[in-house]
N, C-alpha and C. Protein backbone atom coordinates (compact mmCIF):
# COMPACT_ATOMS: atom_id res chain seq x y z
N MET A 1 35.89 86.77 -6.99
CA MET A 1 36.33 86.27 -5.69
C MET A 1 37.80 85.86 -5.79
N ASN A 2 38.57 86.20 -4.77
CA ASN A 2 39.96 85.80 -4.71
C ASN A 2 40.07 84.33 -4.35
N LEU A 3 41.08 83.66 -4.87
CA LEU A 3 41.25 82.23 -4.59
C LEU A 3 41.41 81.96 -3.11
N TYR A 4 41.99 82.88 -2.35
CA TYR A 4 42.16 82.65 -0.92
C TYR A 4 40.85 82.75 -0.14
N GLU A 5 39.78 83.21 -0.79
CA GLU A 5 38.48 83.30 -0.14
C GLU A 5 37.64 82.03 -0.32
N LEU A 6 38.11 81.09 -1.13
CA LEU A 6 37.37 79.85 -1.38
C LEU A 6 37.51 78.89 -0.20
N ASP A 7 36.41 78.20 0.12
CA ASP A 7 36.51 77.17 1.15
C ASP A 7 36.98 75.86 0.51
N THR A 8 37.13 74.84 1.32
CA THR A 8 37.69 73.57 0.83
C THR A 8 36.86 72.97 -0.30
N VAL A 9 35.55 72.96 -0.16
CA VAL A 9 34.67 72.39 -1.19
C VAL A 9 34.79 73.20 -2.48
N GLU A 10 34.84 74.51 -2.37
CA GLU A 10 34.97 75.36 -3.56
C GLU A 10 36.32 75.16 -4.25
N VAL A 11 37.37 74.93 -3.47
CA VAL A 11 38.69 74.67 -4.06
C VAL A 11 38.65 73.38 -4.86
N VAL A 12 38.15 72.30 -4.25
CA VAL A 12 38.09 71.01 -4.95
C VAL A 12 37.22 71.12 -6.20
N SER A 13 36.06 71.74 -6.08
CA SER A 13 35.16 71.91 -7.24
C SER A 13 35.82 72.74 -8.33
N GLY A 14 36.46 73.83 -7.96
CA GLY A 14 37.12 74.69 -8.94
C GLY A 14 38.27 74.00 -9.65
N LEU A 15 39.02 73.19 -8.91
CA LEU A 15 40.12 72.45 -9.53
C LEU A 15 39.59 71.39 -10.49
N LYS A 16 38.56 70.67 -10.08
CA LYS A 16 37.97 69.65 -10.95
C LYS A 16 37.37 70.26 -12.21
N ALA A 17 36.79 71.46 -12.08
CA ALA A 17 36.17 72.15 -13.22
C ALA A 17 37.21 72.89 -14.07
N ARG A 18 38.45 72.88 -13.63
CA ARG A 18 39.55 73.57 -14.31
C ARG A 18 39.34 75.09 -14.34
N SER A 19 38.67 75.61 -13.32
CA SER A 19 38.48 77.06 -13.20
C SER A 19 39.80 77.76 -12.88
N PHE A 20 40.71 77.04 -12.26
CA PHE A 20 42.05 77.50 -11.95
C PHE A 20 42.91 76.26 -11.74
N SER A 21 44.20 76.44 -11.77
CA SER A 21 45.10 75.29 -11.61
C SER A 21 45.60 75.20 -10.17
N VAL A 22 46.11 74.05 -9.82
CA VAL A 22 46.69 73.85 -8.50
C VAL A 22 47.88 74.79 -8.32
N VAL A 23 48.69 74.91 -9.36
CA VAL A 23 49.87 75.78 -9.30
C VAL A 23 49.45 77.23 -9.06
N GLU A 24 48.44 77.68 -9.80
CA GLU A 24 47.94 79.04 -9.63
C GLU A 24 47.44 79.27 -8.20
N LEU A 25 46.70 78.31 -7.67
CA LEU A 25 46.18 78.40 -6.30
C LEU A 25 47.32 78.51 -5.29
N VAL A 26 48.29 77.65 -5.41
CA VAL A 26 49.41 77.64 -4.47
C VAL A 26 50.21 78.93 -4.56
N GLN A 27 50.42 79.45 -5.77
CA GLN A 27 51.14 80.72 -5.92
C GLN A 27 50.40 81.86 -5.21
N VAL A 28 49.08 81.90 -5.38
CA VAL A 28 48.27 82.94 -4.73
C VAL A 28 48.37 82.81 -3.21
N LEU A 29 48.29 81.59 -2.70
CA LEU A 29 48.32 81.40 -1.25
C LEU A 29 49.69 81.66 -0.65
N LEU A 30 50.74 81.31 -1.36
CA LEU A 30 52.09 81.64 -0.87
C LEU A 30 52.29 83.15 -0.82
N ALA A 31 51.76 83.86 -1.81
CA ALA A 31 51.83 85.32 -1.79
C ALA A 31 51.02 85.89 -0.63
N ARG A 32 49.89 85.27 -0.37
CA ARG A 32 49.03 85.71 0.75
C ARG A 32 49.74 85.50 2.09
N ILE A 33 50.41 84.36 2.23
CA ILE A 33 51.18 84.10 3.46
C ILE A 33 52.25 85.18 3.62
N ALA A 34 52.95 85.50 2.55
CA ALA A 34 54.00 86.52 2.61
C ALA A 34 53.41 87.89 2.97
N ASP A 35 52.27 88.23 2.38
CA ASP A 35 51.63 89.52 2.66
C ASP A 35 51.19 89.65 4.11
N LEU A 36 50.80 88.54 4.72
CA LEU A 36 50.29 88.56 6.09
C LEU A 36 51.27 87.94 7.08
N ASP A 37 52.53 87.97 6.74
CA ASP A 37 53.55 87.37 7.60
C ASP A 37 53.58 88.02 8.99
N HIS A 38 53.15 89.27 9.08
CA HIS A 38 53.13 89.95 10.38
C HIS A 38 52.20 89.27 11.39
N LEU A 39 51.30 88.40 10.91
CA LEU A 39 50.43 87.65 11.82
C LEU A 39 51.18 86.51 12.51
N GLN A 40 52.36 86.20 12.03
CA GLN A 40 53.19 85.14 12.60
C GLN A 40 52.41 83.82 12.67
N ALA A 41 51.68 83.54 11.62
CA ALA A 41 50.83 82.34 11.59
C ALA A 41 51.62 81.07 11.35
N TRP A 42 52.79 81.19 10.75
CA TRP A 42 53.56 80.02 10.36
C TRP A 42 54.89 79.96 11.09
N VAL A 43 55.22 78.80 11.60
CA VAL A 43 56.53 78.56 12.18
C VAL A 43 57.50 78.21 11.07
N HIS A 44 57.02 77.44 10.09
CA HIS A 44 57.85 77.01 8.98
C HIS A 44 56.99 76.88 7.73
N VAL A 45 57.36 77.57 6.66
CA VAL A 45 56.70 77.42 5.36
C VAL A 45 57.75 76.94 4.38
N ASP A 46 57.43 75.88 3.67
CA ASP A 46 58.34 75.36 2.65
C ASP A 46 57.72 75.65 1.28
N SER A 47 57.98 76.84 0.78
CA SER A 47 57.41 77.29 -0.50
C SER A 47 57.82 76.39 -1.65
N GLU A 48 59.07 76.00 -1.66
CA GLU A 48 59.57 75.15 -2.74
C GLU A 48 58.85 73.80 -2.75
N ALA A 49 58.71 73.19 -1.58
CA ALA A 49 58.00 71.90 -1.50
C ALA A 49 56.53 72.06 -1.88
N ALA A 50 55.91 73.17 -1.46
CA ALA A 50 54.51 73.41 -1.81
C ALA A 50 54.34 73.53 -3.32
N MET A 51 55.26 74.22 -3.99
CA MET A 51 55.18 74.36 -5.45
C MET A 51 55.45 73.02 -6.14
N THR A 52 56.38 72.25 -5.62
CA THR A 52 56.65 70.91 -6.18
C THR A 52 55.41 70.04 -6.06
N GLN A 53 54.77 70.06 -4.88
CA GLN A 53 53.55 69.29 -4.68
C GLN A 53 52.44 69.79 -5.60
N ALA A 54 52.36 71.11 -5.79
CA ALA A 54 51.32 71.68 -6.66
C ALA A 54 51.46 71.17 -8.09
N ARG A 55 52.68 71.17 -8.60
CA ARG A 55 52.90 70.67 -9.97
C ARG A 55 52.55 69.18 -10.05
N GLN A 56 52.93 68.42 -9.03
CA GLN A 56 52.62 66.99 -9.00
C GLN A 56 51.11 66.76 -8.96
N LYS A 57 50.41 67.50 -8.10
CA LYS A 57 48.96 67.32 -7.99
C LYS A 57 48.25 67.77 -9.26
N GLN A 58 48.77 68.80 -9.93
CA GLN A 58 48.17 69.22 -11.20
C GLN A 58 48.33 68.13 -12.25
N THR A 59 49.50 67.49 -12.29
CA THR A 59 49.73 66.38 -13.22
C THR A 59 48.77 65.24 -12.93
N GLU A 60 48.58 64.92 -11.65
CA GLU A 60 47.64 63.86 -11.26
C GLU A 60 46.22 64.23 -11.66
N LEU A 61 45.85 65.48 -11.41
CA LEU A 61 44.51 65.96 -11.76
C LEU A 61 44.29 65.89 -13.27
N ASP A 62 45.27 66.31 -14.04
CA ASP A 62 45.18 66.26 -15.50
C ASP A 62 45.06 64.83 -16.01
N ALA A 63 45.65 63.88 -15.28
CA ALA A 63 45.59 62.46 -15.67
C ALA A 63 44.31 61.78 -15.18
N GLY A 64 43.47 62.52 -14.46
CA GLY A 64 42.21 61.97 -14.00
C GLY A 64 42.25 61.34 -12.62
N SER A 65 43.38 61.41 -11.96
CA SER A 65 43.51 60.86 -10.61
C SER A 65 43.12 61.93 -9.61
N VAL A 66 41.99 61.73 -8.95
CA VAL A 66 41.48 62.76 -8.07
C VAL A 66 41.19 62.18 -6.69
N GLY A 67 42.01 62.57 -5.70
CA GLY A 67 41.74 62.21 -4.31
C GLY A 67 40.73 63.18 -3.74
N PRO A 68 40.15 62.88 -2.60
CA PRO A 68 39.11 63.75 -2.03
C PRO A 68 39.60 65.15 -1.68
N LEU A 69 40.89 65.31 -1.45
CA LEU A 69 41.44 66.63 -1.13
C LEU A 69 42.45 67.09 -2.18
N ILE A 70 42.27 66.63 -3.41
CA ILE A 70 43.25 66.94 -4.46
C ILE A 70 43.49 68.45 -4.56
N GLY A 71 44.74 68.84 -4.34
CA GLY A 71 45.12 70.23 -4.46
C GLY A 71 44.75 71.14 -3.32
N VAL A 72 44.12 70.61 -2.27
CA VAL A 72 43.71 71.45 -1.14
C VAL A 72 44.94 71.81 -0.31
N PRO A 73 45.21 73.09 -0.15
CA PRO A 73 46.37 73.52 0.62
C PRO A 73 46.08 73.49 2.12
N THR A 74 47.08 73.12 2.88
CA THR A 74 46.93 73.14 4.33
C THR A 74 48.28 73.20 5.01
N GLY A 75 48.22 73.42 6.27
CA GLY A 75 49.37 73.29 7.15
C GLY A 75 48.87 72.54 8.37
N VAL A 76 49.77 72.08 9.16
CA VAL A 76 49.38 71.42 10.40
C VAL A 76 50.05 72.15 11.56
N LYS A 77 49.50 71.96 12.73
CA LYS A 77 50.12 72.53 13.92
C LYS A 77 51.56 72.07 14.01
N ASP A 78 52.35 72.89 14.60
CA ASP A 78 53.77 72.60 14.76
C ASP A 78 54.03 71.56 15.85
N ILE A 79 53.08 70.67 16.05
CA ILE A 79 53.29 69.51 16.92
C ILE A 79 53.15 68.21 16.14
N PHE A 80 52.60 68.29 14.92
CA PHE A 80 52.46 67.11 14.07
C PHE A 80 53.80 66.81 13.41
N TYR A 81 54.27 65.59 13.56
CA TYR A 81 55.51 65.20 12.89
C TYR A 81 55.31 65.24 11.38
N THR A 82 56.22 65.93 10.71
CA THR A 82 56.24 66.00 9.26
C THR A 82 57.68 65.71 8.84
N ALA A 83 57.86 64.61 8.15
CA ALA A 83 59.21 64.15 7.80
C ALA A 83 60.02 65.25 7.12
N GLY A 84 61.20 65.51 7.65
CA GLY A 84 62.11 66.47 7.06
C GLY A 84 61.78 67.92 7.31
N VAL A 85 60.72 68.19 8.07
CA VAL A 85 60.30 69.56 8.35
C VAL A 85 60.50 69.86 9.83
N PRO A 86 61.12 70.98 10.17
CA PRO A 86 61.29 71.30 11.59
C PRO A 86 59.95 71.27 12.32
N THR A 87 59.92 70.59 13.46
CA THR A 87 58.71 70.48 14.28
C THR A 87 59.11 70.92 15.68
N THR A 88 58.79 72.16 16.02
CA THR A 88 59.32 72.77 17.24
C THR A 88 58.36 72.82 18.40
N ALA A 89 57.09 72.51 18.20
CA ALA A 89 56.05 72.71 19.21
C ALA A 89 56.03 74.16 19.68
N CYS A 90 56.50 75.06 18.81
CA CYS A 90 56.59 76.49 19.10
C CYS A 90 57.41 76.77 20.36
N SER A 91 58.39 75.95 20.59
CA SER A 91 59.23 76.08 21.78
C SER A 91 60.70 76.04 21.40
N LYS A 92 61.48 76.87 22.08
CA LYS A 92 62.93 76.86 21.86
C LYS A 92 63.54 75.52 22.25
N VAL A 93 62.88 74.81 23.15
CA VAL A 93 63.38 73.51 23.60
C VAL A 93 63.52 72.54 22.42
N TYR A 94 62.59 72.63 21.46
CA TYR A 94 62.58 71.72 20.31
C TYR A 94 62.99 72.42 19.01
N ALA A 95 63.67 73.54 19.11
CA ALA A 95 63.98 74.36 17.94
C ALA A 95 64.72 73.62 16.83
N ASP A 96 65.49 72.61 17.17
CA ASP A 96 66.28 71.89 16.16
C ASP A 96 65.73 70.51 15.82
N PHE A 97 64.53 70.19 16.29
CA PHE A 97 63.98 68.85 16.05
C PHE A 97 63.38 68.74 14.66
N VAL A 98 63.80 67.72 13.92
CA VAL A 98 63.26 67.43 12.58
C VAL A 98 62.91 65.94 12.54
N PRO A 99 61.61 65.61 12.51
CA PRO A 99 61.21 64.20 12.52
C PRO A 99 61.61 63.47 11.24
N GLU A 100 61.77 62.18 11.38
CA GLU A 100 62.15 61.33 10.24
C GLU A 100 60.94 60.71 9.55
N TYR A 101 59.76 60.86 10.13
CA TYR A 101 58.55 60.27 9.55
C TYR A 101 57.37 61.21 9.75
N ASP A 102 56.31 60.95 8.99
CA ASP A 102 55.09 61.75 9.08
C ASP A 102 54.15 61.19 10.13
N ALA A 103 53.47 62.08 10.83
CA ALA A 103 52.36 61.68 11.69
C ALA A 103 51.28 61.07 10.79
N THR A 104 50.46 60.22 11.35
CA THR A 104 49.38 59.58 10.58
C THR A 104 48.50 60.63 9.91
N THR A 105 48.18 61.69 10.62
CA THR A 105 47.34 62.76 10.06
C THR A 105 47.98 63.37 8.83
N VAL A 106 49.27 63.64 8.90
CA VAL A 106 49.99 64.24 7.77
C VAL A 106 50.02 63.27 6.59
N ALA A 107 50.32 62.01 6.87
CA ALA A 107 50.37 61.00 5.80
C ALA A 107 49.00 60.85 5.13
N ARG A 108 47.94 60.85 5.92
CA ARG A 108 46.59 60.72 5.34
C ARG A 108 46.20 61.95 4.54
N LEU A 109 46.55 63.12 5.03
CA LEU A 109 46.28 64.35 4.31
C LEU A 109 46.95 64.32 2.94
N GLN A 110 48.22 63.98 2.92
CA GLN A 110 48.95 63.93 1.66
C GLN A 110 48.44 62.80 0.77
N GLY A 111 48.07 61.68 1.36
CA GLY A 111 47.53 60.57 0.60
C GLY A 111 46.20 60.89 -0.06
N ALA A 112 45.45 61.82 0.54
CA ALA A 112 44.16 62.23 -0.01
C ALA A 112 44.31 63.32 -1.07
N GLY A 113 45.56 63.75 -1.30
CA GLY A 113 45.81 64.75 -2.34
C GLY A 113 46.09 66.14 -1.83
N GLY A 114 46.11 66.33 -0.51
CA GLY A 114 46.37 67.64 0.06
C GLY A 114 47.80 68.10 -0.16
N ILE A 115 47.98 69.40 -0.14
CA ILE A 115 49.30 70.00 -0.32
C ILE A 115 49.73 70.61 1.01
N MET A 116 50.85 70.14 1.51
CA MET A 116 51.37 70.61 2.79
C MET A 116 52.25 71.84 2.58
N PHE A 117 51.86 72.95 3.20
CA PHE A 117 52.63 74.18 3.12
C PHE A 117 53.70 74.25 4.19
N GLY A 118 53.46 73.62 5.32
CA GLY A 118 54.41 73.68 6.42
C GLY A 118 53.69 73.52 7.74
N GLU A 119 54.30 74.07 8.77
CA GLU A 119 53.73 73.95 10.11
C GLU A 119 53.42 75.34 10.64
N ASP A 120 52.21 75.46 11.19
CA ASP A 120 51.77 76.76 11.66
C ASP A 120 51.75 76.83 13.18
N SER A 121 51.58 78.02 13.67
CA SER A 121 51.82 78.28 15.08
C SER A 121 50.63 77.98 15.97
N HIS A 122 50.95 77.84 17.21
CA HIS A 122 49.98 77.65 18.30
C HIS A 122 50.70 78.10 19.55
N HIS A 123 50.04 78.03 20.68
CA HIS A 123 50.72 78.40 21.91
C HIS A 123 51.77 77.35 22.25
N ARG A 124 52.83 77.77 22.89
CA ARG A 124 53.97 76.89 23.17
C ARG A 124 53.53 75.55 23.74
N VAL A 125 54.00 74.49 23.11
CA VAL A 125 53.70 73.09 23.42
C VAL A 125 52.22 72.86 23.73
N CYS A 126 51.36 73.67 23.14
CA CYS A 126 49.90 73.55 23.26
C CYS A 126 49.40 73.72 24.69
N LEU A 127 50.11 74.47 25.50
CA LEU A 127 49.59 74.75 26.84
C LEU A 127 48.37 75.63 26.70
N SER A 128 47.37 75.41 27.55
CA SER A 128 46.11 76.12 27.41
C SER A 128 46.04 77.38 28.25
N ARG A 129 47.13 77.79 28.80
CA ARG A 129 47.13 79.03 29.57
C ARG A 129 48.41 79.81 29.23
N PRO A 130 48.39 81.10 29.43
CA PRO A 130 49.60 81.87 29.15
C PRO A 130 50.76 81.39 30.02
N VAL A 131 51.90 81.29 29.42
CA VAL A 131 53.11 80.94 30.15
C VAL A 131 54.18 81.97 29.80
N SER A 132 55.26 81.92 30.48
CA SER A 132 56.36 82.83 30.19
C SER A 132 56.79 82.67 28.74
N ASN A 133 57.06 83.76 28.09
CA ASN A 133 57.56 83.71 26.72
C ASN A 133 59.03 83.37 26.66
N ALA A 134 59.65 83.08 27.80
CA ALA A 134 61.08 82.80 27.83
C ALA A 134 61.45 81.62 26.94
N GLN A 135 60.54 80.64 26.82
CA GLN A 135 60.84 79.48 25.99
C GLN A 135 60.00 79.44 24.73
N SER A 136 59.20 80.45 24.49
CA SER A 136 58.39 80.50 23.27
C SER A 136 59.22 81.03 22.12
N LEU A 137 58.88 80.61 20.92
CA LEU A 137 59.58 81.12 19.74
C LEU A 137 59.14 82.55 19.43
N GLU A 138 57.87 82.83 19.56
CA GLU A 138 57.33 84.15 19.22
C GLU A 138 56.07 84.40 20.04
N HIS A 139 55.70 85.66 20.14
CA HIS A 139 54.38 86.02 20.67
C HIS A 139 53.44 86.08 19.47
N ARG A 140 52.31 85.41 19.52
CA ARG A 140 51.38 85.37 18.39
C ARG A 140 50.22 86.33 18.65
N PRO A 141 50.09 87.38 17.85
CA PRO A 141 48.96 88.28 18.03
C PRO A 141 47.67 87.66 17.49
N TYR A 142 46.55 88.06 18.07
CA TYR A 142 45.25 87.64 17.55
C TYR A 142 45.07 88.30 16.18
N PRO A 143 44.70 87.55 15.14
CA PRO A 143 44.73 88.09 13.78
C PRO A 143 43.73 89.20 13.48
N TRP A 144 42.72 89.35 14.31
CA TRP A 144 41.72 90.37 14.05
C TRP A 144 41.95 91.61 14.91
N ARG A 145 42.62 91.45 16.05
CA ARG A 145 42.96 92.57 16.94
C ARG A 145 44.37 92.32 17.47
N PHE A 146 45.34 92.96 16.88
CA PHE A 146 46.74 92.64 17.14
C PHE A 146 47.17 92.85 18.59
N GLU A 147 46.46 93.72 19.31
CA GLU A 147 46.85 93.98 20.69
C GLU A 147 46.43 92.85 21.64
N GLN A 148 45.61 91.93 21.18
CA GLN A 148 45.12 90.86 22.04
C GLN A 148 45.97 89.60 21.88
N TRP A 149 45.92 88.77 22.93
CA TRP A 149 46.65 87.50 22.93
C TRP A 149 45.95 86.52 22.01
N LEU A 150 46.71 85.75 21.29
CA LEU A 150 46.16 84.83 20.30
C LEU A 150 45.39 83.69 20.93
N GLY A 151 45.79 83.24 22.08
CA GLY A 151 45.07 82.14 22.71
C GLY A 151 45.88 80.88 22.72
N CYS A 152 45.20 79.75 22.68
CA CYS A 152 45.93 78.49 22.79
C CYS A 152 45.72 77.65 21.55
N CYS A 153 45.28 76.43 21.68
CA CYS A 153 45.35 75.46 20.59
C CYS A 153 44.50 75.79 19.38
N ARG A 154 43.41 76.48 19.52
CA ARG A 154 42.58 76.78 18.36
C ARG A 154 43.10 77.97 17.56
N CYS A 155 44.12 78.62 18.05
CA CYS A 155 44.57 79.85 17.41
C CYS A 155 45.02 79.64 15.98
N ARG A 156 45.61 78.51 15.64
CA ARG A 156 46.10 78.31 14.28
C ARG A 156 44.96 78.40 13.28
N ASP A 157 43.79 77.91 13.63
CA ASP A 157 42.67 77.98 12.71
C ASP A 157 42.19 79.42 12.54
N ASP A 158 42.22 80.21 13.62
CA ASP A 158 41.83 81.61 13.51
C ASP A 158 42.75 82.36 12.56
N VAL A 159 44.04 82.14 12.70
CA VAL A 159 45.00 82.85 11.86
C VAL A 159 44.93 82.34 10.43
N SER A 160 44.92 81.03 10.24
CA SER A 160 44.90 80.51 8.87
C SER A 160 43.61 80.88 8.16
N ASP A 161 42.52 81.02 8.89
CA ASP A 161 41.27 81.44 8.27
C ASP A 161 41.38 82.87 7.75
N ARG A 162 42.15 83.68 8.40
CA ARG A 162 42.36 85.05 7.91
C ARG A 162 43.23 85.02 6.66
N ILE A 163 44.14 84.06 6.56
CA ILE A 163 45.03 83.98 5.40
C ILE A 163 44.30 83.35 4.22
N TRP A 164 43.67 82.20 4.44
CA TRP A 164 42.84 81.59 3.40
C TRP A 164 41.79 80.70 4.03
N LYS A 165 40.65 80.60 3.37
CA LYS A 165 39.49 79.89 3.93
C LYS A 165 39.53 78.39 3.72
N SER A 166 40.32 77.91 2.75
CA SER A 166 40.24 76.49 2.39
C SER A 166 41.07 75.58 3.28
N ASP A 167 41.84 76.13 4.21
CA ASP A 167 42.64 75.28 5.09
C ASP A 167 41.70 74.50 6.01
N PRO A 168 41.65 73.17 5.86
CA PRO A 168 40.69 72.40 6.66
C PRO A 168 40.99 72.40 8.14
N GLY A 169 42.24 72.57 8.54
CA GLY A 169 42.58 72.61 9.96
C GLY A 169 42.41 71.25 10.62
N PHE A 170 43.20 71.01 11.63
CA PHE A 170 43.12 69.74 12.36
C PHE A 170 43.14 70.04 13.84
N GLY A 171 42.24 69.44 14.57
CA GLY A 171 42.20 69.62 16.02
C GLY A 171 43.07 68.60 16.72
N THR A 172 43.44 68.92 17.94
CA THR A 172 44.18 67.99 18.77
C THR A 172 43.61 68.05 20.17
N SER A 173 43.96 67.08 20.95
CA SER A 173 43.58 67.06 22.36
C SER A 173 44.79 67.34 23.23
N ALA A 174 45.71 68.13 22.71
CA ALA A 174 46.97 68.37 23.40
C ALA A 174 46.84 69.38 24.53
N CYS A 175 45.78 70.15 24.55
CA CYS A 175 45.66 71.18 25.59
C CYS A 175 45.30 70.58 26.93
N PHE A 176 45.76 71.23 27.96
CA PHE A 176 45.39 70.83 29.31
C PHE A 176 45.40 72.07 30.18
N LEU A 177 44.71 72.02 31.29
CA LEU A 177 44.65 73.17 32.20
C LEU A 177 45.64 73.03 33.32
């Protein structure tokens, strides 16, 4: 089985059992993101930060410090504030916005041992209906049928599930009709 096919529980179990390393997992997933970049699943990927976090989490794991999500890779929607990471809400309006602090969800994810890869895509500012692409950063194809529209707020989980199964995903109530 490929590492990108493991779910969250299998990743944590495999890391604890030393079946693979955090660094090895992150390298495989970064390669997978690059291979499937045509899905436009990510607005921003920070490969260098992900590898730095992977080495840090491996050191913690080797020292016996194990959080509930130790080494679990994830991204968050591009509406969650992540300190120092562009947070655009998939809109040109916010193209240059970089928050100075982490959203509570991001801080808790990292505090539990998760590895943040970056921010992934969703429909522009989480609107639940198609809008003009004039202010959108990109058109996001549905990952299983490229000719179809990706949808709205749940789309990030659909795409990330195609890239790797262990991304726990986070829901929001940002959609409205």
